[in-house]
Amino acid sequence: MQRVIKTLLIVDIVIIILCFLSGERVWLVNSQIAFITSSLVMFSSIISYRNMVQSRVNAGIVVAEDNRDTIEKIEDPYNLYSEEESIEEKSMQEVVKEEKENLKKNRRSIWQVTRDSKAALSFYRLGAYALLILGFFYLNNNKILDIGSYLSILLLPPVIVVTVLISKK
Protein backbone atom coordinates (compact mmCIF):
# COMPACT_ATOMS: atom_id res chain seq x y z
CA MET A 1 0.00 0.00 0.00
CA GLN A 2 2.88 2.34 0.74
CA ARG A 3 4.29 1.67 -2.70
CA VAL A 4 0.97 2.70 -4.26
CA ILE A 5 0.86 5.90 -2.21
CA LYS A 6 4.44 6.80 -3.11
CA THR A 7 3.79 6.21 -6.79
CA LEU A 8 0.63 8.31 -6.72
CA LEU A 9 2.47 11.15 -4.95
CA ILE A 10 5.30 11.08 -7.48
CA VAL A 11 2.87 11.17 -10.41
CA ASP A 12 0.92 14.01 -8.78
CA ILE A 13 4.10 16.04 -8.26
CA VAL A 14 5.02 15.50 -11.92
CA ILE A 15 1.54 16.69 -12.96
CA ILE A 16 1.88 19.80 -10.78
CA ILE A 17 5.31 20.61 -12.22
CA LEU A 18 4.06 20.14 -15.80
CA CYS A 19 1.07 22.41 -15.15
CA PHE A 20 3.30 25.12 -13.64
CA LEU A 21 5.77 24.88 -16.51
CA SER A 22 3.02 25.20 -19.08
CA GLY A 23 1.44 28.08 -17.17
CA GLU A 24 -2.04 26.56 -17.24
CA ARG A 25 -3.80 27.39 -13.98
CA VAL A 26 -7.07 25.82 -15.23
CA TRP A 27 -5.33 22.54 -16.00
CA LEU A 28 -3.72 22.57 -12.56
CA VAL A 29 -7.06 22.99 -10.78
CA ASN A 30 -8.77 20.39 -12.98
CA SER A 31 -5.96 17.89 -12.63
CA GLN A 32 -5.69 18.22 -8.86
CA ILE A 33 -9.42 17.87 -8.24
CA ALA A 34 -9.64 14.89 -10.60
CA PHE A 35 -6.48 13.20 -9.31
CA ILE A 36 -7.25 13.61 -5.61
CA THR A 37 -10.89 12.54 -5.85
CA SER A 38 -10.07 9.58 -8.10
CA SER A 39 -7.33 8.51 -5.68
CA LEU A 40 -9.78 8.76 -2.80
CA VAL A 41 -12.25 6.56 -4.66
CA MET A 42 -9.54 3.96 -5.24
CA PHE A 43 -8.35 3.97 -1.62
CA SER A 44 -11.88 3.86 -0.24
CA SER A 45 -12.69 0.90 -2.49
CA ILE A 46 -9.58 -0.95 -1.36
CA ILE A 47 -10.32 -0.26 2.30
CA SER A 48 -13.99 -1.23 2.11
CA TYR A 49 -13.28 -4.49 0.29
CA ARG A 50 -10.44 -5.29 2.68
CA ASN A 51 -12.79 -4.73 5.63
CA MET A 52 -15.45 -6.93 4.03
CA VAL A 53 -12.98 -9.76 3.43
CA GLN A 54 -11.53 -9.41 6.91
CA SER A 55 -14.97 -9.59 8.51
CA ARG A 56 -15.76 -12.74 6.51
CA VAL A 57 -12.49 -14.33 7.53
CA ASN A 58 -13.15 -13.47 11.17
CA ALA A 59 -16.68 -14.90 10.91
CA GLY A 60 -15.33 -18.12 9.38
CA ILE A 61 -17.23 -17.76 6.13
CA VAL A 62 -15.05 -19.46 3.57
CA VAL A 63 -16.00 -20.47 0.07
CA ALA A 64 -15.50 -24.17 -0.52
CA GLU A 65 -12.65 -24.83 -2.89
CA ASP A 66 -12.96 -27.18 -5.81
CA ASN A 67 -10.45 -30.01 -5.93
CA ARG A 68 -9.96 -29.47 -9.64
CA ASP A 69 -6.94 -27.63 -11.00
CA THR A 70 -7.16 -24.44 -13.01
CA ILE A 71 -6.71 -26.02 -16.42
CA GLU A 72 -9.46 -28.52 -15.72
CA LYS A 73 -11.78 -25.70 -14.62
CA ILE A 74 -11.12 -23.88 -17.88
CA GLU A 75 -11.54 -26.93 -20.09
CA ASP A 76 -14.57 -28.29 -18.25
CA PRO A 77 -16.22 -25.43 -16.29
CA TYR A 78 -19.41 -27.37 -15.57
CA ASN A 79 -17.66 -30.62 -14.71
CA LEU A 80 -19.37 -32.49 -17.53
CA TYR A 81 -16.56 -34.96 -18.16
CA SER A 82 -15.82 -36.01 -14.61
CA GLU A 83 -15.21 -39.68 -13.97
CA GLU A 84 -16.79 -39.59 -10.54
CA GLU A 85 -20.38 -39.35 -11.66
CA SER A 86 -21.96 -42.24 -13.43
CA ILE A 87 -23.93 -41.49 -16.52
CA GLU A 88 -27.49 -42.63 -16.13
CA GLU A 89 -30.36 -42.54 -18.49
CA LYS A 90 -32.74 -39.96 -17.08
CA SER A 91 -35.89 -38.61 -18.52
CA MET A 92 -36.03 -35.00 -19.52
CA GLN A 93 -38.47 -34.26 -16.70
CA GLU A 94 -36.07 -35.60 -14.08
CA VAL A 95 -33.20 -33.57 -15.49
CA VAL A 96 -35.30 -30.40 -15.49
CA LYS A 97 -36.46 -31.09 -11.94
CA GLU A 98 -32.86 -31.56 -10.75
CA GLU A 99 -31.73 -28.37 -12.43
CA LYS A 100 -34.58 -26.40 -10.84
CA GLU A 101 -33.57 -27.74 -7.43
CA ASN A 102 -29.97 -26.73 -8.09
CA LEU A 103 -31.09 -23.22 -9.04
CA LYS A 104 -33.16 -22.96 -5.87
CA LYS A 105 -30.14 -23.98 -3.79
CA ASN A 106 -28.03 -21.28 -5.43
CA ARG A 107 -30.52 -18.48 -4.83
CA ARG A 108 -29.33 -15.83 -2.48
CA SER A 109 -31.49 -14.36 0.22
CA ILE A 110 -31.95 -10.65 0.72
CA TRP A 111 -29.75 -10.90 3.81
CA GLN A 112 -26.87 -12.38 1.77
CA VAL A 113 -27.19 -9.70 -0.91
CA THR A 114 -27.27 -6.97 1.74
CA ARG A 115 -24.23 -8.42 3.47
CA ASP A 116 -22.30 -8.54 0.20
CA SER A 117 -23.29 -5.01 -0.78
CA LYS A 118 -21.75 -3.51 2.35
CA ALA A 119 -18.49 -2.93 0.53
CA ALA A 120 -20.23 -1.22 -2.38
CA LEU A 121 -22.28 0.98 -0.07
CA SER A 122 -19.63 1.72 2.53
CA PHE A 123 -19.33 5.17 4.00
CA TYR A 124 -15.81 5.52 2.60
CA ARG A 125 -16.83 4.88 -0.98
CA LEU A 126 -19.99 6.96 -0.85
CA GLY A 127 -18.03 9.88 0.62
CA ALA A 128 -15.32 9.59 -2.02
CA TYR A 129 -17.86 9.50 -4.84
CA ALA A 130 -19.66 12.48 -3.30
CA LEU A 131 -16.38 14.43 -3.32
CA LEU A 132 -15.80 13.41 -6.94
CA ILE A 133 -19.23 14.70 -7.95
CA LEU A 134 -18.90 17.88 -5.89
CA GLY A 135 -15.50 18.57 -7.47
CA PHE A 136 -16.95 18.17 -10.94
CA PHE A 137 -19.84 20.50 -10.12
CA TYR A 138 -17.46 23.03 -8.58
CA LEU A 139 -15.38 23.14 -11.75
CA ASN A 140 -18.45 23.27 -13.98
CA ASN A 141 -20.24 26.00 -12.01
CA ASN A 142 -17.13 28.21 -11.92
CA LYS A 143 -16.70 27.75 -15.69
CA ILE A 144 -13.17 26.35 -15.33
CA LEU A 145 -13.92 22.76 -16.29
CA ASP A 146 -11.56 21.51 -18.98
CA ILE A 147 -13.12 18.14 -19.73
CA GLY A 148 -10.09 16.76 -21.57
CA SER A 149 -7.62 17.28 -18.75
CA TYR A 150 -10.20 16.35 -16.13
CA LEU A 151 -11.08 12.99 -17.69
CA SER A 152 -7.51 12.10 -18.60
CA ILE A 153 -6.25 12.77 -15.08
CA LEU A 154 -9.32 11.07 -13.59
CA LEU A 155 -8.22 7.88 -15.33
CA LEU A 156 -4.65 7.96 -14.00
CA PRO A 157 -5.06 6.74 -10.37
CA PRO A 158 -6.92 3.52 -11.25
CA VAL A 159 -4.33 2.72 -13.92
CA ILE A 160 -1.47 3.47 -11.52
CA VAL A 161 -2.95 1.41 -8.67
CA VAL A 162 -3.60 -1.59 -10.92
CA THR A 163 -0.15 -1.34 -12.49
CA VAL A 164 1.62 -1.11 -9.15
CA LEU A 165 -0.39 -3.97 -7.64
CA ILE A 166 0.20 -6.21 -10.64
CA SER A 167 3.92 -5.42 -10.80
CA LYS A 168 4.20 -6.19 -7.09
CA LYS A 169 3.74 -9.88 -7.78
C-alpha atoms as a PDB file:
ATOM      1  CA  MET A   1       0.000   0.000   0.000  1.00  0.00           C
ATOM      2  CA  GLN A   2       2.881   2.342   0.739  1.00  0.00           C
ATOM      3  CA  ARG A   3       4.290   1.670  -2.699  1.00  0.00           C
ATOM      4  CA  VAL A   4       0.967   2.699  -4.262  1.00  0.00           C
ATOM      5  CA  ILE A   5       0.860   5.899  -2.207  1.00  0.00           C
ATOM      6  CA  LYS A   6       4.444   6.803  -3.106  1.00  0.00           C
ATOM      7  CA  THR A   7       3.789   6.208  -6.794  1.00  0.00           C
ATOM      8  CA  LEU A   8       0.630   8.313  -6.717  1.00  0.00           C
ATOM      9  CA  LEU A   9       2.466  11.150  -4.952  1.00  0.00           C
ATOM     10  CA  ILE A  10       5.299  11.082  -7.482  1.00  0.00           C
ATOM     11  CA  VAL A  11       2.868  11.171 -10.406  1.00  0.00           C
ATOM     12  CA  ASP A  12       0.923  14.013  -8.775  1.00  0.00           C
ATOM     13  CA  ILE A  13       4.105  16.044  -8.262  1.00  0.00           C
ATOM     14  CA  VAL A  14       5.017  15.502 -11.924  1.00  0.00           C
ATOM     15  CA  ILE A  15       1.543  16.685 -12.965  1.00  0.00           C
ATOM     16  CA  ILE A  16       1.875  19.805 -10.783  1.00  0.00           C
ATOM     17  CA  ILE A  17       5.305  20.606 -12.221  1.00  0.00           C
ATOM     18  CA  LEU A  18       4.060  20.142 -15.799  1.00  0.00           C
ATOM     19  CA  CYS A  19       1.067  22.412 -15.148  1.00  0.00           C
ATOM     20  CA  PHE A  20       3.298  25.117 -13.637  1.00  0.00           C
ATOM     21  CA  LEU A  21       5.773  24.884 -16.511  1.00  0.00           C
ATOM     22  CA  SER A  22       3.018  25.204 -19.083  1.00  0.00           C
ATOM     23  CA  GLY A  23       1.437  28.083 -17.174  1.00  0.00           C
ATOM     24  CA  GLU A  24      -2.040  26.561 -17.244  1.00  0.00           C
ATOM     25  CA  ARG A  25      -3.804  27.390 -13.980  1.00  0.00           C
ATOM     26  CA  VAL A  26      -7.069  25.821 -15.228  1.00  0.00           C
ATOM     27  CA  TRP A  27      -5.327  22.540 -16.002  1.00  0.00           C
ATOM     28  CA  LEU A  28      -3.722  22.568 -12.556  1.00  0.00           C
ATOM     29  CA  VAL A  29      -7.061  22.993 -10.778  1.00  0.00           C
ATOM     30  CA  ASN A  30      -8.769  20.386 -12.977  1.00  0.00           C
ATOM     31  CA  SER A  31      -5.957  17.888 -12.625  1.00  0.00           C
ATOM     32  CA  GLN A  32      -5.692  18.223  -8.861  1.00  0.00           C
ATOM     33  CA  ILE A  33      -9.420  17.869  -8.240  1.00  0.00           C
ATOM     34  CA  ALA A  34      -9.643  14.891 -10.602  1.00  0.00           C
ATOM     35  CA  PHE A  35      -6.475  13.199  -9.311  1.00  0.00           C
ATOM     36  CA  ILE A  36      -7.245  13.612  -5.615  1.00  0.00           C
ATOM     37  CA  THR A  37     -10.888  12.541  -5.847  1.00  0.00           C
ATOM     38  CA  SER A  38     -10.073   9.580  -8.097  1.00  0.00           C
ATOM     39  CA  SER A  39      -7.333   8.511  -5.683  1.00  0.00           C
ATOM     40  CA  LEU A  40      -9.784   8.763  -2.796  1.00  0.00           C
ATOM     41  CA  VAL A  41     -12.248   6.562  -4.658  1.00  0.00           C
ATOM     42  CA  MET A  42      -9.539   3.962  -5.243  1.00  0.00           C
ATOM     43  CA  PHE A  43      -8.355   3.966  -1.618  1.00  0.00           C
ATOM     44  CA  SER A  44     -11.877   3.858  -0.243  1.00  0.00           C
ATOM     45  CA  SER A  45     -12.686   0.897  -2.493  1.00  0.00           C
ATOM     46  CA  ILE A  46      -9.583  -0.950  -1.362  1.00  0.00           C
ATOM     47  CA  ILE A  47     -10.315  -0.258   2.297  1.00  0.00           C
ATOM     48  CA  SER A  48     -13.989  -1.225   2.107  1.00  0.00           C
ATOM     49  CA  TYR A  49     -13.279  -4.495   0.292  1.00  0.00           C
ATOM     50  CA  ARG A  50     -10.443  -5.288   2.681  1.00  0.00           C
ATOM     51  CA  ASN A  51     -12.789  -4.730   5.630  1.00  0.00           C
ATOM     52  CA  MET A  52     -15.450  -6.934   4.031  1.00  0.00           C
ATOM     53  CA  VAL A  53     -12.980  -9.764   3.429  1.00  0.00           C
ATOM     54  CA  GLN A  54     -11.527  -9.414   6.910  1.00  0.00           C
ATOM     55  CA  SER A  55     -14.974  -9.595   8.505  1.00  0.00           C
ATOM     56  CA  ARG A  56     -15.762 -12.741   6.515  1.00  0.00           C
ATOM     57  CA  VAL A  57     -12.485 -14.327   7.533  1.00  0.00           C
ATOM     58  CA  ASN A  58     -13.153 -13.471  11.175  1.00  0.00           C
ATOM     59  CA  ALA A  59     -16.679 -14.904  10.912  1.00  0.00           C
ATOM     60  CA  GLY A  60     -15.327 -18.116   9.384  1.00  0.00           C
ATOM     61  CA  ILE A  61     -17.233 -17.757   6.134  1.00  0.00           C
ATOM     62  CA  VAL A  62     -15.053 -19.462   3.569  1.00  0.00           C
ATOM     63  CA  VAL A  63     -16.001 -20.475   0.067  1.00  0.00           C
ATOM     64  CA  ALA A  64     -15.495 -24.175  -0.516  1.00  0.00           C
ATOM     65  CA  GLU A  65     -12.654 -24.830  -2.895  1.00  0.00           C
ATOM     66  CA  ASP A  66     -12.961 -27.180  -5.810  1.00  0.00           C
ATOM     67  CA  ASN A  67     -10.448 -30.013  -5.934  1.00  0.00           C
ATOM     68  CA  ARG A  68      -9.959 -29.473  -9.641  1.00  0.00           C
ATOM     69  CA  ASP A  69      -6.944 -27.632 -10.997  1.00  0.00           C
ATOM     70  CA  THR A  70      -7.157 -24.436 -13.011  1.00  0.00           C
ATOM     71  CA  ILE A  71      -6.712 -26.016 -16.425  1.00  0.00           C
ATOM     72  CA  GLU A  72      -9.461 -28.518 -15.720  1.00  0.00           C
ATOM     73  CA  LYS A  73     -11.777 -25.697 -14.616  1.00  0.00           C
ATOM     74  CA  ILE A  74     -11.118 -23.876 -17.879  1.00  0.00           C
ATOM     75  CA  GLU A  75     -11.536 -26.929 -20.092  1.00  0.00           C
ATOM     76  CA  ASP A  76     -14.575 -28.290 -18.248  1.00  0.00           C
ATOM     77  CA  PRO A  77     -16.217 -25.430 -16.292  1.00  0.00           C
ATOM     78  CA  TYR A  78     -19.410 -27.369 -15.570  1.00  0.00           C
ATOM     79  CA  ASN A  79     -17.656 -30.623 -14.705  1.00  0.00           C
ATOM     80  CA  LEU A  80     -19.372 -32.489 -17.525  1.00  0.00           C
ATOM     81  CA  TYR A  81     -16.565 -34.964 -18.156  1.00  0.00           C
ATOM     82  CA  SER A  82     -15.819 -36.011 -14.614  1.00  0.00           C
ATOM     83  CA  GLU A  83     -15.210 -39.677 -13.970  1.00  0.00           C
ATOM     84  CA  GLU A  84     -16.791 -39.585 -10.537  1.00  0.00           C
ATOM     85  CA  GLU A  85     -20.384 -39.348 -11.663  1.00  0.00           C
ATOM     86  CA  SER A  86     -21.962 -42.241 -13.432  1.00  0.00           C
ATOM     87  CA  ILE A  87     -23.931 -41.485 -16.523  1.00  0.00           C
ATOM     88  CA  GLU A  88     -27.491 -42.631 -16.128  1.00  0.00           C
ATOM     89  CA  GLU A  89     -30.359 -42.537 -18.493  1.00  0.00           C
ATOM     90  CA  LYS A  90     -32.745 -39.961 -17.078  1.00  0.00           C
ATOM     91  CA  SER A  91     -35.891 -38.612 -18.521  1.00  0.00           C
ATOM     92  CA  MET A  92     -36.031 -35.000 -19.522  1.00  0.00           C
ATOM     93  CA  GLN A  93     -38.470 -34.257 -16.705  1.00  0.00           C
ATOM     94  CA  GLU A  94     -36.072 -35.602 -14.084  1.00  0.00           C
ATOM     95  CA  VAL A  95     -33.201 -33.568 -15.490  1.00  0.00           C
ATOM     96  CA  VAL A  96     -35.305 -30.399 -15.495  1.00  0.00           C
ATOM     97  CA  LYS A  97     -36.461 -31.090 -11.940  1.00  0.00           C
ATOM     98  CA  GLU A  98     -32.857 -31.562 -10.749  1.00  0.00           C
ATOM     99  CA  GLU A  99     -31.732 -28.365 -12.434  1.00  0.00           C
ATOM    100  CA  LYS A 100     -34.583 -26.403 -10.844  1.00  0.00           C
ATOM    101  CA  GLU A 101     -33.568 -27.738  -7.434  1.00  0.00           C
ATOM    102  CA  ASN A 102     -29.970 -26.728  -8.087  1.00  0.00           C
ATOM    103  CA  LEU A 103     -31.089 -23.220  -9.040  1.00  0.00           C
ATOM    104  CA  LYS A 104     -33.159 -22.963  -5.868  1.00  0.00           C
ATOM    105  CA  LYS A 105     -30.141 -23.980  -3.790  1.00  0.00           C
ATOM    106  CA  ASN A 106     -28.028 -21.281  -5.429  1.00  0.00           C
ATOM    107  CA  ARG A 107     -30.522 -18.484  -4.835  1.00  0.00           C
ATOM    108  CA  ARG A 108     -29.333 -15.830  -2.477  1.00  0.00           C
ATOM    109  CA  SER A 109     -31.490 -14.365   0.215  1.00  0.00           C
ATOM    110  CA  ILE A 110     -31.951 -10.649   0.721  1.00  0.00           C
ATOM    111  CA  TRP A 111     -29.752 -10.900   3.814  1.00  0.00           C
ATOM    112  CA  GLN A 112     -26.874 -12.377   1.767  1.00  0.00           C
ATOM    113  CA  VAL A 113     -27.190  -9.704  -0.910  1.00  0.00           C
ATOM    114  CA  THR A 114     -27.268  -6.973   1.741  1.00  0.00           C
ATOM    115  CA  ARG A 115     -24.229  -8.417   3.470  1.00  0.00           C
ATOM    116  CA  ASP A 116     -22.304  -8.540   0.201  1.00  0.00           C
ATOM    117  CA  SER A 117     -23.293  -5.006  -0.781  1.00  0.00           C
ATOM    118  CA  LYS A 118     -21.754  -3.511   2.353  1.00  0.00           C
ATOM    119  CA  ALA A 119     -18.486  -2.929   0.526  1.00  0.00           C
ATOM    120  CA  ALA A 120     -20.229  -1.222  -2.379  1.00  0.00           C
ATOM    121  CA  LEU A 121     -22.282   0.975  -0.071  1.00  0.00           C
ATOM    122  CA  SER A 122     -19.628   1.716   2.534  1.00  0.00           C
ATOM    123  CA  PHE A 123     -19.333   5.170   4.000  1.00  0.00           C
ATOM    124  CA  TYR A 124     -15.809   5.522   2.604  1.00  0.00           C
ATOM    125  CA  ARG A 125     -16.829   4.876  -0.985  1.00  0.00           C
ATOM    126  CA  LEU A 126     -19.994   6.957  -0.853  1.00  0.00           C
ATOM    127  CA  GLY A 127     -18.029   9.875   0.621  1.00  0.00           C
ATOM    128  CA  ALA A 128     -15.315   9.589  -2.024  1.00  0.00           C
ATOM    129  CA  TYR A 129     -17.856   9.496  -4.839  1.00  0.00           C
ATOM    130  CA  ALA A 130     -19.662  12.483  -3.302  1.00  0.00           C
ATOM    131  CA  LEU A 131     -16.384  14.426  -3.318  1.00  0.00           C
ATOM    132  CA  LEU A 132     -15.803  13.412  -6.938  1.00  0.00           C
ATOM    133  CA  ILE A 133     -19.233  14.699  -7.950  1.00  0.00           C
ATOM    134  CA  LEU A 134     -18.898  17.883  -5.892  1.00  0.00           C
ATOM    135  CA  GLY A 135     -15.497  18.567  -7.465  1.00  0.00           C
ATOM    136  CA  PHE A 136     -16.955  18.171 -10.940  1.00  0.00           C
ATOM    137  CA  PHE A 137     -19.844  20.497 -10.120  1.00  0.00           C
ATOM    138  CA  TYR A 138     -17.459  23.031  -8.584  1.00  0.00           C
ATOM    139  CA  LEU A 139     -15.381  23.135 -11.751  1.00  0.00           C
ATOM    140  CA  ASN A 140     -18.446  23.274 -13.982  1.00  0.00           C
ATOM    141  CA  ASN A 141     -20.236  25.999 -12.008  1.00  0.00           C
ATOM    142  CA  ASN A 142     -17.135  28.207 -11.916  1.00  0.00           C
ATOM    143  CA  LYS A 143     -16.696  27.748 -15.691  1.00  0.00           C
ATOM    144  CA  ILE A 144     -13.167  26.349 -15.327  1.00  0.00           C
ATOM    145  CA  LEU A 145     -13.922  22.761 -16.294  1.00  0.00           C
ATOM    146  CA  ASP A 146     -11.558  21.514 -18.985  1.00  0.00           C
ATOM    147  CA  ILE A 147     -13.125  18.145 -19.732  1.00  0.00           C
ATOM    148  CA  GLY A 148     -10.094  16.759 -21.569  1.00  0.00           C
ATOM    149  CA  SER A 149      -7.620  17.280 -18.750  1.00  0.00           C
ATOM    150  CA  TYR A 150     -10.199  16.352 -16.134  1.00  0.00           C
ATOM    151  CA  LEU A 151     -11.078  12.992 -17.691  1.00  0.00           C
ATOM    152  CA  SER A 152      -7.508  12.096 -18.601  1.00  0.00           C
ATOM    153  CA  ILE A 153      -6.246  12.772 -15.079  1.00  0.00           C
ATOM    154  CA  LEU A 154      -9.316  11.068 -13.594  1.00  0.00           C
ATOM    155  CA  LEU A 155      -8.219   7.875 -15.330  1.00  0.00           C
ATOM    156  CA  LEU A 156      -4.648   7.955 -13.999  1.00  0.00           C
ATOM    157  CA  PRO A 157      -5.058   6.743 -10.365  1.00  0.00           C
ATOM    158  CA  PRO A 158      -6.920   3.518 -11.247  1.00  0.00           C
ATOM    159  CA  VAL A 159      -4.331   2.721 -13.918  1.00  0.00           C
ATOM    160  CA  ILE A 160      -1.470   3.473 -11.524  1.00  0.00           C
ATOM    161  CA  VAL A 161      -2.952   1.412  -8.670  1.00  0.00           C
ATOM    162  CA  VAL A 162      -3.601  -1.587 -10.916  1.00  0.00           C
ATOM    163  CA  THR A 163      -0.155  -1.341 -12.494  1.00  0.00           C
ATOM    164  CA  VAL A 164       1.617  -1.113  -9.146  1.00  0.00           C
ATOM    165  CA  LEU A 165      -0.392  -3.969  -7.640  1.00  0.00           C
ATOM    166  CA  ILE A 166       0.201  -6.206 -10.637  1.00  0.00           C
ATOM    167  CA  SER A 167       3.922  -5.419 -10.799  1.00  0.00           C
ATOM    168  CA  LYS A 168       4.202  -6.188  -7.094  1.00  0.00           C
ATOM    169  CA  LYS A 169       3.739  -9.884  -7.784  1.00  0.00           C
END
